[in-house]
C-alpha atoms as a PDB file:
ATOM      1  CA  UNK A   1      18.177  50.116  32.747  1.00  0.00           C
ATOM      2  CA  UNK A   2      15.922  49.506  29.753  1.00  0.00           C
ATOM      3  CA  UNK A   3      12.732  47.491  29.564  1.00  0.00           C
ATOM      4  CA  UNK A   4      12.908  43.965  28.185  1.00  0.00           C
ATOM      5  CA  UNK A   5       9.905  42.708  26.268  1.00  0.00           C
ATOM      6  CA  UNK A   6       9.831  38.944  25.654  1.00  0.00           C
ATOM      7  CA  UNK A   7       6.797  37.776  23.659  1.00  0.00           C
ATOM      8  CA  UNK A   8       5.677  34.189  24.221  1.00  0.00           C
ATOM      9  CA  UNK A   9       3.627  32.288  21.653  1.00  0.00           C
ATOM     10  CA  UNK A  10       0.752  30.144  22.835  1.00  0.00           C
ATOM     11  CA  UNK A  11      -2.499  28.507  21.878  1.00  0.00           C
ATOM     12  CA  UNK A  12      -5.883  29.978  22.672  1.00  0.00           C
ATOM     13  CA  UNK A  13      -9.212  28.224  22.776  1.00  0.00           C
ATOM     14  CA  UNK A  14     -12.627  29.745  22.487  1.00  0.00           C
ATOM     15  CA  UNK A  15     -15.152  31.193  20.106  1.00  0.00           C
ATOM     16  CA  UNK A  16     -16.215  34.607  18.922  1.00  0.00           C
ATOM     17  CA  UNK A  17     -19.828  33.577  19.462  1.00  0.00           C
ATOM     18  CA  UNK A  18     -20.959  35.108  22.771  1.00  0.00           C
ATOM     19  CA  UNK A  19     -24.709  34.629  23.308  1.00  0.00           C
ATOM     20  CA  UNK A  20     -26.765  37.193  25.249  1.00  0.00           C
ATOM     21  CA  UNK A  21     -26.969  36.372  28.938  1.00  0.00           C
ATOM     22  CA  UNK A  22     -30.766  36.657  29.145  1.00  0.00           C
ATOM     23  CA  UNK A  23     -31.558  34.459  26.127  1.00  0.00           C
ATOM     24  CA  UNK A  24     -31.170  30.704  25.812  1.00  0.00           C
ATOM     25  CA  UNK A  25     -28.711  29.994  22.953  1.00  0.00           C
ATOM     26  CA  UNK A  26     -30.129  28.199  19.950  1.00  0.00           C
ATOM     27  CA  UNK A  27     -28.841  24.792  18.800  1.00  0.00           C
ATOM     28  CA  UNK A  28     -26.322  26.266  16.344  1.00  0.00           C
ATOM     29  CA  UNK A  29     -24.827  28.540  19.012  1.00  0.00           C
ATOM     30  CA  UNK A  30     -24.561  25.675  21.511  1.00  0.00           C
ATOM     31  CA  UNK A  31     -22.853  23.547  18.854  1.00  0.00           C
ATOM     32  CA  UNK A  32     -20.347  26.347  18.186  1.00  0.00           C
ATOM     33  CA  UNK A  33     -19.607  26.644  21.901  1.00  0.00           C
ATOM     34  CA  UNK A  34     -19.107  22.884  22.232  1.00  0.00           C
ATOM     35  CA  UNK A  35     -16.819  22.833  19.183  1.00  0.00           C
ATOM     36  CA  UNK A  36     -14.606  25.483  20.807  1.00  0.00           C
ATOM     37  CA  UNK A  37     -13.817  23.194  23.755  1.00  0.00           C
ATOM     38  CA  UNK A  38     -10.565  21.276  23.138  1.00  0.00           C
ATOM     39  CA  UNK A  39     -10.552  17.476  23.525  1.00  0.00           C
ATOM     40  CA  UNK A  40     -10.224  16.451  27.165  1.00  0.00           C
ATOM     41  CA  UNK A  41      -9.967  12.655  27.175  1.00  0.00           C
ATOM     42  CA  UNK A  42     -10.051  10.857  30.507  1.00  0.00           C
ATOM     43  CA  UNK A  43      -6.982   8.773  31.279  1.00  0.00           C
ATOM     44  CA  UNK A  44      -6.102   6.422  34.117  1.00  0.00           C
ATOM     45  CA  UNK A  45      -2.472   5.974  35.189  1.00  0.00           C
ATOM     46  CA  UNK A  46      -0.677   3.335  37.242  1.00  0.00           C
ATOM     47  CA  UNK A  47       2.704   3.547  38.984  1.00  0.00           C
ATOM     48  CA  UNK A  48       4.142   0.583  40.885  1.00  0.00           C
ATOM     49  CA  UNK A  49       7.332   1.017  42.897  1.00  0.00           C
ATOM     50  CA  UNK A  50       8.847  -0.819  45.821  1.00  0.00           C
ATOM     51  CA  UNK A  51       7.970  -4.337  46.889  1.00  0.00           C
ATOM     52  CA  UNK A  52       4.891  -6.373  46.121  1.00  0.00           C
ATOM     53  CA  UNK A  53       5.784  -8.603  49.073  1.00  0.00           C
ATOM     54  CA  UNK A  54       7.798  -7.270  52.012  1.00  0.00           C
ATOM     55  CA  UNK A  55      10.909  -9.032  53.257  1.00  0.00           C
ATOM     56  CA  UNK A  56      10.070 -11.767  55.725  1.00  0.00           C
ATOM     57  CA  UNK A  57      11.973 -14.207  57.861  1.00  0.00           C
ATOM     58  CA  UNK A  58      13.493 -16.762  55.534  1.00  0.00           C
ATOM     59  CA  UNK A  59      12.431 -15.037  52.309  1.00  0.00           C
ATOM     60  CA  UNK A  60      13.583 -11.994  50.385  1.00  0.00           C
ATOM     61  CA  UNK A  61      11.344  -9.119  49.369  1.00  0.00           C
ATOM     62  CA  UNK A  62       9.607  -9.400  45.991  1.00  0.00           C
ATOM     63  CA  UNK A  63       9.669  -6.148  43.994  1.00  0.00           C
ATOM     64  CA  UNK A  64       6.984  -5.183  41.515  1.00  0.00           C
ATOM     65  CA  UNK A  65       7.740  -6.223  37.941  1.00  0.00           C
ATOM     66  CA  UNK A  66       6.242  -5.898  34.479  1.00  0.00           C
ATOM     67  CA  UNK A  67       3.827  -8.774  35.089  1.00  0.00           C
ATOM     68  CA  UNK A  68       2.219  -6.745  37.886  1.00  0.00           C
ATOM     69  CA  UNK A  69       1.764  -3.799  35.529  1.00  0.00           C
ATOM     70  CA  UNK A  70       0.143  -6.012  32.911  1.00  0.00           C
ATOM     71  CA  UNK A  71      -2.134  -7.458  35.595  1.00  0.00           C
ATOM     72  CA  UNK A  72      -3.119  -3.919  36.603  1.00  0.00           C
ATOM     73  CA  UNK A  73      -4.182  -2.896  33.089  1.00  0.00           C
ATOM     74  CA  UNK A  74      -6.027  -6.193  32.606  1.00  0.00           C
ATOM     75  CA  UNK A  75      -7.893  -5.601  35.879  1.00  0.00           C
ATOM     76  CA  UNK A  76      -8.929  -2.104  34.762  1.00  0.00           C
ATOM     77  CA  UNK A  77     -10.006  -3.409  31.350  1.00  0.00           C
ATOM     78  CA  UNK A  78     -11.951  -6.280  32.910  1.00  0.00           C
ATOM     79  CA  UNK A  79     -13.837  -3.811  35.108  1.00  0.00           C
ATOM     80  CA  UNK A  80     -14.857  -2.006  31.909  1.00  0.00           C
ATOM     81  CA  UNK A  81     -15.886  -5.287  30.289  1.00  0.00           C
ATOM     82  CA  UNK A  82     -13.192  -5.043  27.603  1.00  0.00           C
ATOM     83  CA  UNK A  83     -10.808  -7.736  26.369  1.00  0.00           C
ATOM     84  CA  UNK A  84      -7.383  -6.202  25.741  1.00  0.00           C
ATOM     85  CA  UNK A  85      -4.211  -7.358  24.043  1.00  0.00           C
ATOM     86  CA  UNK A  86      -0.741  -6.459  25.297  1.00  0.00           C
ATOM     87  CA  UNK A  87       2.004  -6.747  22.691  1.00  0.00           C
ATOM     88  CA  UNK A  88       5.672  -5.850  22.815  1.00  0.00           C
ATOM     89  CA  UNK A  89       6.581  -2.362  21.654  1.00  0.00           C
ATOM     90  CA  UNK A  90       9.172   0.378  22.067  1.00  0.00           C
ATOM     91  CA  UNK A  91       8.468   3.653  23.789  1.00  0.00           C
ATOM     92  CA  UNK A  92      10.596   6.562  24.949  1.00  0.00           C
ATOM     93  CA  UNK A  93      11.540   6.386  28.650  1.00  0.00           C
ATOM     94  CA  UNK A  94      10.650   2.680  28.873  1.00  0.00           C
ATOM     95  CA  UNK A  95      13.107  -0.202  29.111  1.00  0.00           C
ATOM     96  CA  UNK A  96      13.694  -1.986  25.755  1.00  0.00           C
ATOM     97  CA  UNK A  97      12.006  -5.379  25.851  1.00  0.00           C
ATOM     98  CA  UNK A  98       9.868  -4.380  28.835  1.00  0.00           C
ATOM     99  CA  UNK A  99       7.308  -2.168  27.152  1.00  0.00           C
ATOM    100  CA  UNK A 100       3.842  -3.211  26.042  1.00  0.00           C
ATOM    101  CA  UNK A 101       1.286  -1.664  23.702  1.00  0.00           C
ATOM    102  CA  UNK A 102      -2.282  -2.078  24.978  1.00  0.00           C
ATOM    103  CA  UNK A 103      -4.989  -2.449  22.329  1.00  0.00           C
ATOM    104  CA  UNK A 104      -8.716  -3.216  22.326  1.00  0.00           C
ATOM    105  CA  UNK A 105     -10.357  -4.401  19.109  1.00  0.00           C
ATOM    106  CA  UNK A 106      -7.205  -3.340  17.267  1.00  0.00           C
ATOM    107  CA  UNK A 107      -7.314   0.230  18.623  1.00  0.00           C
ATOM    108  CA  UNK A 108      -4.479   1.543  20.778  1.00  0.00           C
ATOM    109  CA  UNK A 109      -5.750   2.390  24.259  1.00  0.00           C
ATOM    110  CA  UNK A 110      -2.521   2.744  26.225  1.00  0.00           C
ATOM    111  CA  UNK A 111       0.822   1.328  27.250  1.00  0.00           C
ATOM    112  CA  UNK A 112       2.542  -0.453  30.125  1.00  0.00           C
ATOM    113  CA  UNK A 113       6.226  -0.877  30.860  1.00  0.00           C
ATOM    114  CA  UNK A 114       9.244  -0.483  33.104  1.00  0.00           C
ATOM    115  CA  UNK A 115      10.906   2.923  33.313  1.00  0.00           C
ATOM    116  CA  UNK A 116      14.532   3.214  32.272  1.00  0.00           C
ATOM    117  CA  UNK A 117      16.774   3.335  35.363  1.00  0.00           C
ATOM    118  CA  UNK A 118      17.992   6.812  34.361  1.00  0.00           C
ATOM    119  CA  UNK A 119      14.412   8.106  34.187  1.00  0.00           C
ATOM    120  CA  UNK A 120      13.566   6.588  37.577  1.00  0.00           C
ATOM    121  CA  UNK A 121      16.682   8.130  39.105  1.00  0.00           C
ATOM    122  CA  UNK A 122      15.874  11.583  37.693  1.00  0.00           C
ATOM    123  CA  UNK A 123      12.438  11.361  39.326  1.00  0.00           C
ATOM    124  CA  UNK A 124      13.896  10.107  42.643  1.00  0.00           C
ATOM    125  CA  UNK A 125      11.924   6.870  42.342  1.00  0.00           C
ATOM    126  CA  UNK A 126      13.392   3.793  44.049  1.00  0.00           C
ATOM    127  CA  UNK A 127      14.479   0.658  42.201  1.00  0.00           C
ATOM    128  CA  UNK A 128      12.442  -0.791  39.377  1.00  0.00           C
ATOM    129  CA  UNK A 129       9.385   1.277  38.520  1.00  0.00           C
ATOM    130  CA  UNK A 130       6.437   0.013  36.480  1.00  0.00           C
ATOM    131  CA  UNK A 131       4.109   2.511  34.812  1.00  0.00           C
ATOM    132  CA  UNK A 132       0.966   2.274  32.721  1.00  0.00           C
ATOM    133  CA  UNK A 133      -1.484   4.688  31.172  1.00  0.00           C
ATOM    134  CA  UNK A 134      -4.833   3.942  29.561  1.00  0.00           C
ATOM    135  CA  UNK A 135      -7.116   6.208  27.552  1.00  0.00           C
ATOM    136  CA  UNK A 136     -10.283   5.569  29.532  1.00  0.00           C
ATOM    137  CA  UNK A 137     -12.569   7.080  26.899  1.00  0.00           C
ATOM    138  CA  UNK A 138     -11.194   4.792  24.185  1.00  0.00           C
ATOM    139  CA  UNK A 139     -11.344   1.824  26.534  1.00  0.00           C
ATOM    140  CA  UNK A 140     -14.974   2.460  27.436  1.00  0.00           C
ATOM    141  CA  UNK A 141     -15.723   3.056  23.767  1.00  0.00           C
ATOM    142  CA  UNK A 142     -14.659  -0.526  23.080  1.00  0.00           C
ATOM    143  CA  UNK A 143     -17.048  -1.855  25.729  1.00  0.00           C
ATOM    144  CA  UNK A 144     -20.565  -2.986  25.027  1.00  0.00           C
ATOM    145  CA  UNK A 145     -23.589  -1.294  26.489  1.00  0.00           C
ATOM    146  CA  UNK A 146     -23.822  -4.015  29.131  1.00  0.00           C
ATOM    147  CA  UNK A 147     -21.108  -5.607  31.249  1.00  0.00           C
ATOM    148  CA  UNK A 148     -22.006  -9.153  32.252  1.00  0.00           C
ATOM    149  CA  UNK A 149     -20.438 -10.322  35.498  1.00  0.00           C
ATOM    150  CA  UNK A 150     -18.798 -13.723  35.422  1.00  0.00           C
ATOM    151  CA  UNK A 151     -20.474 -16.445  37.445  1.00  0.00           C
ATOM    152  CA  UNK A 152     -18.807 -17.389  40.714  1.00  0.00           C
ATOM    153  CA  UNK A 153     -17.958 -21.027  41.265  1.00  0.00           C
ATOM    154  CA  UNK A 154     -18.219 -22.563  44.695  1.00  0.00           C
ATOM    155  CA  UNK A 155     -15.565 -25.112  43.820  1.00  0.00           C
ATOM    156  CA  UNK A 156     -11.837 -24.668  44.529  1.00  0.00           C
ATOM    157  CA  UNK A 157      -9.322 -23.742  41.866  1.00  0.00           C
ATOM    158  CA  UNK A 158      -6.437 -25.916  40.708  1.00  0.00           C
ATOM    159  CA  UNK A 159      -3.191 -24.000  40.225  1.00  0.00           C
ATOM    160  CA  UNK A 160      -0.170 -24.937  38.146  1.00  0.00           C
ATOM    161  CA  UNK A 161       2.750 -23.227  36.419  1.00  0.00           C
ATOM    162  CA  UNK A 162       4.155 -23.706  32.950  1.00  0.00           C
ATOM    163  CA  UNK A 163       7.429 -22.497  31.411  1.00  0.00           C
ATOM    164  CA  UNK A 164       7.559 -22.230  27.629  1.00  0.00           C
ATOM    165  CA  UNK A 165      10.653 -21.611  25.528  1.00  0.00           C
ATOM    166  CA  UNK A 166       9.977 -19.578  22.385  1.00  0.00           C
ATOM    167  CA  UNK A 167      11.898 -17.382  19.990  1.00  0.00           C
ATOM    168  CA  UNK A 168      12.768 -14.080  21.659  1.00  0.00           C
ATOM    169  CA  UNK A 169      10.931 -12.158  18.926  1.00  0.00           C
ATOM    170  CA  UNK A 170       7.545 -13.687  19.800  1.00  0.00           C
ATOM    171  CA  UNK A 171       5.508 -11.331  22.031  1.00  0.00           C
ATOM    172  CA  UNK A 172       4.541 -12.812  25.393  1.00  0.00           C
ATOM    173  CA  UNK A 173       0.973 -11.604  24.874  1.00  0.00           C
ATOM    174  CA  UNK A 174       0.657 -13.692  21.710  1.00  0.00           C
ATOM    175  CA  UNK A 175       1.952 -16.789  23.510  1.00  0.00           C
ATOM    176  CA  UNK A 176      -0.491 -16.157  26.350  1.00  0.00           C
ATOM    177  CA  UNK A 177      -3.412 -15.828  23.927  1.00  0.00           C
ATOM    178  CA  UNK A 178      -2.516 -19.044  22.091  1.00  0.00           C
ATOM    179  CA  UNK A 179      -2.159 -20.935  25.364  1.00  0.00           C
ATOM    180  CA  UNK A 180      -5.522 -19.689  26.649  1.00  0.00           C
ATOM    181  CA  UNK A 181      -7.227 -20.682  23.407  1.00  0.00           C
ATOM    182  CA  UNK A 182      -5.756 -24.176  23.545  1.00  0.00           C
ATOM    183  CA  UNK A 183      -6.382 -24.776  27.251  1.00  0.00           C
ATOM    184  CA  UNK A 184     -10.099 -24.155  26.861  1.00  0.00           C
ATOM    185  CA  UNK A 185     -12.919 -23.263  29.219  1.00  0.00           C
ATOM    186  CA  UNK A 186     -11.374 -24.760  32.364  1.00  0.00           C
ATOM    187  CA  UNK A 187      -8.603 -22.140  32.323  1.00  0.00           C
ATOM    188  CA  UNK A 188      -9.773 -19.311  34.581  1.00  0.00           C
ATOM    189  CA  UNK A 189      -6.652 -17.158  34.404  1.00  0.00           C
ATOM    190  CA  UNK A 190      -3.153 -17.171  32.943  1.00  0.00           C
ATOM    191  CA  UNK A 191      -0.602 -14.694  34.282  1.00  0.00           C
ATOM    192  CA  UNK A 192       2.933 -14.047  33.050  1.00  0.00           C
ATOM    193  CA  UNK A 193       5.280 -14.202  36.042  1.00  0.00           C
ATOM    194  CA  UNK A 194       8.724 -14.428  34.435  1.00  0.00           C
ATOM    195  CA  UNK A 195      10.486 -13.594  31.173  1.00  0.00           C
ATOM    196  CA  UNK A 196      13.925 -15.209  31.409  1.00  0.00           C
ATOM    197  CA  UNK A 197      16.825 -15.100  28.964  1.00  0.00           C
ATOM    198  CA  UNK A 198      20.159 -16.530  29.983  1.00  0.00           C
ATOM    199  CA  UNK A 199      21.851 -19.700  31.163  1.00  0.00           C
ATOM    200  CA  UNK A 200      19.880 -22.801  30.257  1.00  0.00           C
ATOM    201  CA  UNK A 201      17.913 -21.085  27.483  1.00  0.00           C
ATOM    202  CA  UNK A 202      19.143 -21.285  23.854  1.00  0.00           C
ATOM    203  CA  UNK A 203      20.632 -18.183  22.271  1.00  0.00           C
ATOM    204  CA  UNK A 204      17.927 -16.059  20.653  1.00  0.00           C
ATOM    205  CA  UNK A 205      15.179 -17.640  22.765  1.00  0.00           C
ATOM    206  CA  UNK A 206      13.387 -16.775  25.991  1.00  0.00           C
ATOM    207  CA  UNK A 207      11.570 -18.700  28.680  1.00  0.00           C
ATOM    208  CA  UNK A 208       8.102 -17.446  29.600  1.00  0.00           C
ATOM    209  CA  UNK A 209       6.644 -18.721  32.855  1.00  0.00           C
ATOM    210  CA  UNK A 210       2.904 -18.446  33.381  1.00  0.00           C
ATOM    211  CA  UNK A 211       0.905 -18.972  36.547  1.00  0.00           C
ATOM    212  CA  UNK A 212      -2.267 -20.899  35.716  1.00  0.00           C
ATOM    213  CA  UNK A 213      -5.574 -21.230  37.525  1.00  0.00           C
ATOM    214  CA  UNK A 214      -8.145 -23.818  36.461  1.00  0.00           C
ATOM    215  CA  UNK A 215     -11.682 -24.170  37.777  1.00  0.00           C
ATOM    216  CA  UNK A 216     -14.954 -25.873  36.866  1.00  0.00           C
ATOM    217  CA  UNK A 217     -18.415 -24.544  37.668  1.00  0.00           C
ATOM    218  CA  UNK A 218     -19.907 -27.916  38.560  1.00  0.00           C
ATOM    219  CA  UNK A 219     -17.208 -29.952  40.286  1.00  0.00           C
ATOM    220  CA  UNK A 220     -13.805 -29.984  41.924  1.00  0.00           C
ATOM    221  CA  UNK A 221     -11.159 -30.474  39.262  1.00  0.00           C
ATOM    222  CA  UNK A 222      -8.661 -33.272  39.638  1.00  0.00           C
ATOM    223  CA  UNK A 223      -4.953 -32.669  39.106  1.00  0.00           C
ATOM    224  CA  UNK A 224      -5.171 -34.862  36.001  1.00  0.00           C
ATOM    225  CA  UNK A 225      -7.904 -32.675  34.468  1.00  0.00           C
ATOM    226  CA  UNK A 226      -5.921 -29.498  35.114  1.00  0.00           C
ATOM    227  CA  UNK A 227      -2.790 -31.071  33.647  1.00  0.00           C
ATOM    228  CA  UNK A 228      -4.700 -32.215  30.562  1.00  0.00           C
ATOM    229  CA  UNK A 229      -5.945 -28.660  29.975  1.00  0.00           C
ATOM    230  CA  UNK A 230      -2.436 -27.294  30.513  1.00  0.00           C
ATOM    231  CA  UNK A 231      -0.932 -29.700  27.992  1.00  0.00           C
ATOM    232  CA  UNK A 232      -3.616 -28.704  25.484  1.00  0.00           C
ATOM    233  CA  UNK A 233      -2.463 -25.110  25.918  1.00  0.00           C
ATOM    234  CA  UNK A 234       1.162 -26.167  25.460  1.00  0.00           C
ATOM    235  CA  UNK A 235       0.233 -28.002  22.257  1.00  0.00           C
ATOM    236  CA  UNK A 236      -1.461 -24.871  20.913  1.00  0.00           C
ATOM    237  CA  UNK A 237       1.626 -22.717  21.543  1.00  0.00           C
ATOM    238  CA  UNK A 238       3.855 -25.400  20.032  1.00  0.00           C
ATOM    239  CA  UNK A 239       1.756 -25.521  16.870  1.00  0.00           C
ATOM    240  CA  UNK A 240       1.598 -21.744  16.494  1.00  0.00           C
ATOM    241  CA  UNK A 241       4.990 -20.575  17.756  1.00  0.00           C
ATOM    242  CA  UNK A 242       7.153 -23.694  18.083  1.00  0.00           C
ATOM    243  CA  UNK A 243       7.105 -23.441  21.881  1.00  0.00           C
ATOM    244  CA  UNK A 244       8.704 -26.187  23.955  1.00  0.00           C
ATOM    245  CA  UNK A 245       8.379 -26.996  27.637  1.00  0.00           C
ATOM    246  CA  UNK A 246      11.300 -25.862  29.741  1.00  0.00           C
ATOM    247  CA  UNK A 247      12.257 -28.614  32.132  1.00  0.00           C
END
């Protein structure tokens, strides 16, 4: 039989500048060597599969969902001292309507979303699978030189939920930002826990449910104070996006 030769194209990295082993390279040579190294950005990835809460007596298991993925990227960003924005996007392999673009100061730093069922099945991953990836170098580049830790309050938090009905085209991240701005300093956290479209919600609209946590540094909040802050957040989303409370 004959010999088969199959050439394969590829990419090479390097430089023709090879300094003598016994002599320290000068600045120009070191710069040439550094320039020959391809970019190697640091990334951090997240994969959530299975149940956030296991099945218990009297209650069903709670699987991970997109809100958990968004929480994960916000936690990573907070550790870096960076405020991020998550807005709706489309991305290959991710479920339409369940994919988010992550930006910091207007610069794309990653994505978060739910894998298409076909992609999960091809990878032998069970059920709904949430993935995220952040460019750590870009994320850290958006951080200041100092990260200031938030003060810890010794007073208990007041928790409430709110469900807002908005046009389906309005990104949940934008609604969240408007609510947080309106609710003011007493709002410690706002977390998206449900994005519902179906019976009871007008055609072309969606219901966004947020879990809210309020806290003051100098006193225990009353339920009335927390509710007042919540309604201020609702008013802000109503003014900006025409949001209404879902009863």
